């Protein structure tokens, strides 16, 4: 009687686990910031209020206007931006909250652990804030134009996009919305406080222009002339400055407006790299 001996095959060795490390680059940082931004209820509330102001204010103006005279196409385009001050403040609040919320909750440590590049994180936050601002500007203008087209026609005026001054007014006003978003992001990084960033922009937009304009001091008047709102107004101006008038011409107005985005962002980058978190 033969006994069959069972041969037990040796257990296979555990396969080595291959870990694929994805570089924490700009695209992944932008995707992460987008997920965080869209998950916040405050983001969509602010977007809704900004669009409501963008459309609602010019609609009220057009509905209650009886005559606008012989307004040029650029001036009629300006009517559609009558709610711009409110839009700029709401966009600034949005940009500040998208930046400062992580410093307030301590989530910034996780963000910088996942993406060590401080410049990459700042660029991603600025990109998301800028895209929200751009979307608000485009959707708001298109909606305001569509809603008020009939009312403007009844008043005997229209908008000609082939007019150079009209296109300048459109582009500069849209640019100013993005600039305020960038400024808010930079202030959020520099101050690490949503209240501080928002108050600073409110002061720059609503308080300082009027105060500095009436101060009998040339330096104060020049400071008021280079604030973001004043620079944007100068950039769309079609008439030259009067002799002795303090202010920027259209070219310098555009340069200063862009500087309000570039210079604070550069300062924010230096600050971000200098601090531990």
Protein backbone atom coordinates (compact mmCIF):
# COMPACT_ATOMS: atom_id res chain seq x y z
CA UNK A 1 0.00 0.00 0.00
CA UNK A 2 1.54 3.19 -1.08
CA UNK A 3 0.95 6.45 0.63
CA UNK A 4 0.74 9.56 -1.54
CA UNK A 5 2.58 12.34 0.08
CA UNK A 6 0.97 15.71 -0.41
CA UNK A 7 3.41 18.39 -1.27
CA UNK A 8 2.46 21.78 0.05
CA UNK A 9 3.48 24.55 -2.25
CA UNK A 10 5.29 27.37 -0.55
CA UNK A 11 3.12 30.42 0.13
CA UNK A 12 3.74 33.19 -2.35
CA UNK A 13 5.69 36.03 -0.94
CA UNK A 14 3.77 39.21 -0.35
CA UNK A 15 3.95 41.44 -3.36
CA UNK A 16 5.68 44.69 -2.78
CA UNK A 17 3.26 47.59 -2.67
CA UNK A 18 4.17 50.18 -5.23
CA UNK A 19 3.48 53.69 -4.05
CA UNK A 20 3.04 56.20 -6.82
CA UNK A 21 3.79 59.68 -5.61
CA UNK A 22 2.13 62.43 -7.57
CA UNK A 23 3.97 65.72 -7.54
CA UNK A 24 2.16 68.38 -5.54
CA UNK A 25 2.06 70.83 -8.41
CA UNK A 26 -0.04 73.77 -9.46
CA UNK A 27 -2.83 71.76 -11.10
CA UNK A 28 -3.39 69.60 -8.04
CA UNK A 29 -3.31 72.66 -5.80
CA UNK A 30 -5.92 74.41 -7.95
CA UNK A 31 -8.12 71.33 -7.86
CA UNK A 32 -7.82 71.18 -4.08
CA UNK A 33 -8.68 74.86 -3.69
CA UNK A 34 -11.69 74.45 -5.99
CA UNK A 35 -13.02 71.57 -3.90
CA UNK A 36 -12.63 73.63 -0.73
CA UNK A 37 -14.24 76.72 -2.26
CA UNK A 38 -17.28 74.97 -3.70
CA UNK A 39 -17.91 73.09 -0.45
CA UNK A 40 -18.39 76.34 1.50
CA UNK A 41 -21.95 77.64 1.68
CA UNK A 42 -20.65 81.18 2.08
CA UNK A 43 -19.05 81.01 -1.37
CA UNK A 44 -22.36 80.56 -3.16
CA UNK A 45 -24.19 83.03 -0.92
CA UNK A 46 -21.65 85.74 -1.81
CA UNK A 47 -21.78 84.84 -5.51
CA UNK A 48 -25.58 85.10 -5.43
CA UNK A 49 -25.51 88.48 -3.67
CA UNK A 50 -22.86 89.80 -6.08
CA UNK A 51 -24.91 88.79 -9.11
CA UNK A 52 -28.05 90.25 -7.53
CA UNK A 53 -26.28 93.58 -7.02
CA UNK A 54 -24.79 93.48 -10.52
CA UNK A 55 -28.21 93.02 -12.11
CA UNK A 56 -30.49 94.68 -9.59
CA UNK A 57 -28.94 98.15 -9.29
CA UNK A 58 -28.86 99.02 -13.02
CA UNK A 59 -32.32 97.52 -13.43
CA UNK A 60 -33.70 99.89 -10.79
CA UNK A 61 -31.93 102.83 -12.42
CA UNK A 62 -33.19 102.04 -15.92
CA UNK A 63 -36.72 101.30 -14.73
CA UNK A 64 -36.98 104.67 -12.98
CA UNK A 65 -35.18 106.76 -15.60
CA UNK A 66 -37.27 109.00 -17.81
CA UNK A 67 -34.52 110.38 -20.02
CA UNK A 68 -30.78 109.88 -20.34
CA UNK A 69 -30.23 112.53 -22.99
CA UNK A 70 -27.71 111.87 -25.74
CA UNK A 71 -25.55 109.47 -23.75
CA UNK A 72 -22.65 107.90 -25.59
CA UNK A 73 -22.28 104.16 -25.89
CA UNK A 74 -19.57 104.16 -23.21
CA UNK A 75 -21.80 106.06 -20.79
CA UNK A 76 -24.63 103.61 -21.40
CA UNK A 77 -22.22 100.76 -20.70
CA UNK A 78 -21.42 102.53 -17.45
CA UNK A 79 -25.10 102.29 -16.48
CA UNK A 80 -24.77 98.50 -16.44
CA UNK A 81 -21.95 98.89 -13.89
CA UNK A 82 -23.90 101.09 -11.46
CA UNK A 83 -23.83 98.25 -8.94
CA UNK A 84 -20.07 97.77 -9.29
CA UNK A 85 -19.17 99.16 -5.85
CA UNK A 86 -21.33 96.53 -4.16
CA UNK A 87 -19.97 93.81 -6.46
CA UNK A 88 -16.36 94.75 -5.68
CA UNK A 89 -16.94 94.58 -1.94
CA UNK A 90 -18.71 91.21 -2.17
CA UNK A 91 -15.96 89.80 -4.39
CA UNK A 92 -13.38 91.08 -1.90
CA UNK A 93 -15.21 89.36 0.96
CA UNK A 94 -15.25 86.15 -1.09
CA UNK A 95 -11.52 86.35 -1.83
CA UNK A 96 -10.68 87.09 1.79
CA UNK A 97 -12.76 84.19 3.13
CA UNK A 98 -11.29 81.74 0.63
CA UNK A 99 -7.86 82.63 1.97
CA UNK A 100 -8.24 83.32 5.68
CA UNK A 101 -10.55 80.44 6.61
CA UNK A 102 -7.64 77.99 6.58
CA UNK A 103 -5.50 80.15 8.86
CA UNK A 104 -8.42 80.57 11.26
CA UNK A 105 -9.19 76.86 11.52
CA UNK A 106 -5.58 75.65 11.39
CA UNK A 107 -6.16 73.75 8.14
CA UNK A 108 -3.30 75.72 6.59
CA UNK A 109 -0.87 73.21 8.13
CA UNK A 110 -2.50 70.38 6.19
CA UNK A 111 -2.49 72.44 3.00
CA UNK A 112 1.22 73.23 3.23
CA UNK A 113 2.00 69.64 4.16
CA UNK A 114 0.24 68.40 1.04
CA UNK A 115 1.70 71.17 -1.12
CA UNK A 116 5.00 72.42 0.36
CA UNK A 117 5.45 75.08 -2.29
CA UNK A 118 4.14 78.29 -0.72
CA UNK A 119 4.06 80.07 -4.07
CA UNK A 120 2.09 77.21 -5.59
CA UNK A 121 -0.56 77.41 -2.86
CA UNK A 122 -0.84 81.19 -3.20
CA UNK A 123 -1.12 80.94 -6.98
CA UNK A 124 -3.86 78.31 -6.65
CA UNK A 125 -5.86 80.44 -4.20
CA UNK A 126 -5.47 83.48 -6.43
CA UNK A 127 -6.56 81.45 -9.46
CA UNK A 128 -9.77 80.24 -7.81
CA UNK A 129 -10.62 83.69 -6.46
CA UNK A 130 -9.86 85.25 -9.85
CA UNK A 131 -12.00 82.73 -11.71
CA UNK A 132 -14.93 83.36 -9.38
CA UNK A 133 -14.50 87.11 -9.91
CA UNK A 134 -14.27 86.71 -13.67
CA UNK A 135 -17.36 84.50 -13.75
CA UNK A 136 -19.32 87.00 -11.65
CA UNK A 137 -18.25 89.81 -13.97
CA UNK A 138 -19.16 87.99 -17.18
CA UNK A 139 -22.43 86.47 -16.01
CA UNK A 140 -23.47 89.64 -14.19
CA UNK A 141 -22.82 91.91 -17.16
CA UNK A 142 -24.50 89.57 -19.65
CA UNK A 143 -27.56 89.24 -17.42
CA UNK A 144 -27.78 92.95 -16.66
CA UNK A 145 -27.51 93.74 -20.37
CA UNK A 146 -30.17 91.18 -21.32
CA UNK A 147 -32.57 92.36 -18.60
CA UNK A 148 -32.17 96.06 -19.41
CA UNK A 149 -31.85 95.94 -23.21
CA UNK A 150 -35.52 96.73 -23.69
CA UNK A 151 -35.50 99.55 -21.15
CA UNK A 152 -32.42 101.13 -22.71
CA UNK A 153 -34.03 100.91 -26.16
CA UNK A 154 -37.14 102.66 -24.82
CA UNK A 155 -34.89 105.46 -23.58
CA UNK A 156 -33.41 105.78 -27.06
CA UNK A 157 -29.88 104.63 -26.22
CA UNK A 158 -27.85 101.56 -27.06
CA UNK A 159 -24.45 99.95 -26.58
CA UNK A 160 -21.99 99.64 -29.45
CA UNK A 161 -19.22 97.13 -28.77
CA UNK A 162 -17.39 98.40 -31.82
CA UNK A 163 -16.78 101.69 -30.02
CA UNK A 164 -13.29 101.92 -28.50
CA UNK A 165 -14.37 103.82 -25.39
CA UNK A 166 -17.16 101.30 -24.77
CA UNK A 167 -14.82 98.33 -24.97
CA UNK A 168 -12.33 100.10 -22.71
CA UNK A 169 -15.05 100.68 -20.11
CA UNK A 170 -16.12 97.03 -20.32
CA UNK A 171 -12.63 95.57 -20.05
CA UNK A 172 -11.39 97.89 -17.30
CA UNK A 173 -14.48 97.34 -15.16
CA UNK A 174 -14.19 93.58 -15.60
CA UNK A 175 -10.49 93.80 -14.77
CA UNK A 176 -11.22 95.77 -11.61
CA UNK A 177 -13.40 92.93 -10.31
CA UNK A 178 -10.53 90.47 -10.74
CA UNK A 179 -8.05 92.94 -9.22
CA UNK A 180 -10.18 93.27 -6.08
CA UNK A 181 -10.28 89.48 -5.75
CA UNK A 182 -6.47 89.33 -6.02
CA UNK A 183 -6.10 92.18 -3.54
CA UNK A 184 -8.37 90.40 -1.06
CA UNK A 185 -6.39 87.17 -1.36
CA UNK A 186 -3.13 89.04 -0.75
CA UNK A 187 -4.52 90.92 2.24
CA UNK A 188 -5.89 87.68 3.63
CA UNK A 189 -2.40 86.17 3.58
CA UNK A 190 -0.73 89.28 4.97
CA UNK A 191 -3.22 89.92 7.78
CA UNK A 192 -4.39 86.33 8.43
CA UNK A 193 -7.76 87.83 9.35
CA UNK A 194 -10.92 87.99 7.28
CA UNK A 195 -12.17 90.95 9.33
CA UNK A 196 -8.92 92.84 8.84
CA UNK A 197 -8.79 92.15 5.09
CA UNK A 198 -12.43 93.09 4.56
CA UNK A 199 -12.20 96.25 6.67
CA UNK A 200 -9.08 97.35 4.78
CA UNK A 201 -10.82 97.02 1.42
CA UNK A 202 -13.99 98.71 2.68
CA UNK A 203 -11.87 101.63 3.88
CA UNK A 204 -10.01 101.82 0.56
CA UNK A 205 -13.22 101.67 -1.44
CA UNK A 206 -15.76 103.66 0.57
CA UNK A 207 -14.01 105.78 3.20
CA UNK A 208 -10.61 106.97 2.04
CA UNK A 209 -11.55 108.28 -1.45
CA UNK A 210 -13.99 110.84 -0.06
CA UNK A 211 -11.81 111.81 2.90
CA UNK A 212 -8.59 112.23 0.92
CA UNK A 213 -10.33 114.21 -1.83
CA UNK A 214 -11.34 117.00 0.55
CA UNK A 215 -8.11 117.18 2.55
CA UNK A 216 -6.24 120.37 1.54
CA UNK A 217 -2.97 118.56 1.04
CA UNK A 218 -1.34 117.57 -2.24
CA UNK A 219 0.14 114.34 -0.91
CA UNK A 220 -3.21 113.23 0.49
CA UNK A 221 -4.90 114.09 -2.79
CA UNK A 222 -2.36 112.01 -4.72
CA UNK A 223 -2.86 109.07 -2.36
CA UNK A 224 -6.57 109.28 -3.08
CA UNK A 225 -5.89 109.46 -6.81
CA UNK A 226 -3.98 106.15 -6.83
CA UNK A 227 -6.51 104.10 -4.84
CA UNK A 228 -7.98 101.19 -6.85
CA UNK A 229 -11.36 102.79 -7.53
CA UNK A 230 -9.76 106.08 -8.60
CA UNK A 231 -7.29 104.26 -10.85
CA UNK A 232 -10.11 102.32 -12.51
CA UNK A 233 -12.07 105.53 -13.08
CA UNK A 234 -9.01 107.17 -14.60
CA UNK A 235 -8.41 104.16 -16.87
CA UNK A 236 -11.85 104.51 -18.48
CA UNK A 237 -11.79 108.31 -18.73
CA UNK A 238 -12.01 109.69 -22.23
CA UNK A 239 -11.35 113.35 -21.39
CA UNK A 240 -7.84 114.61 -20.52
CA UNK A 241 -7.13 116.01 -17.09
CA UNK A 242 -7.65 119.72 -16.61
CA UNK A 243 -4.63 121.91 -16.04
CA UNK A 244 -3.45 121.56 -12.45
CA UNK A 245 -5.85 118.71 -11.70
CA UNK A 246 -4.43 115.95 -9.52
CA UNK A 247 -5.01 112.52 -11.00
CA UNK A 248 -3.90 109.84 -13.44
CA UNK A 249 -4.38 109.74 -17.17
CA UNK A 250 -5.98 106.65 -18.71
CA UNK A 251 -2.67 104.87 -19.34
CA UNK A 252 -1.31 105.35 -15.84
CA UNK A 253 -4.72 104.54 -14.40
CA UNK A 254 -4.52 101.09 -15.97
CA UNK A 255 -0.94 100.57 -14.76
CA UNK A 256 -1.83 101.52 -11.19
CA UNK A 257 -4.93 99.32 -11.24
CA UNK A 258 -2.82 96.32 -12.26
CA UNK A 259 -0.24 97.22 -9.63
CA UNK A 260 -2.91 96.84 -6.95
CA UNK A 261 -3.02 93.15 -7.84
CA UNK A 262 0.67 92.51 -8.50
CA UNK A 263 2.36 94.36 -5.63
CA UNK A 264 0.20 93.02 -2.76
CA UNK A 265 0.48 89.49 -4.18
CA UNK A 266 4.26 89.82 -4.23
CA UNK A 267 4.18 90.99 -0.62
CA UNK A 268 1.92 88.07 0.29
CA UNK A 269 4.36 85.62 -1.29
CA UNK A 270 7.29 87.06 0.65
CA UNK A 271 5.28 86.92 3.87
CA UNK A 272 4.12 83.37 3.23
CA UNK A 273 7.66 82.14 2.65
CA UNK A 274 9.03 84.00 5.66
CA UNK A 275 6.53 82.63 8.17
CA UNK A 276 6.40 79.13 9.56
CA UNK A 277 2.70 78.79 8.66
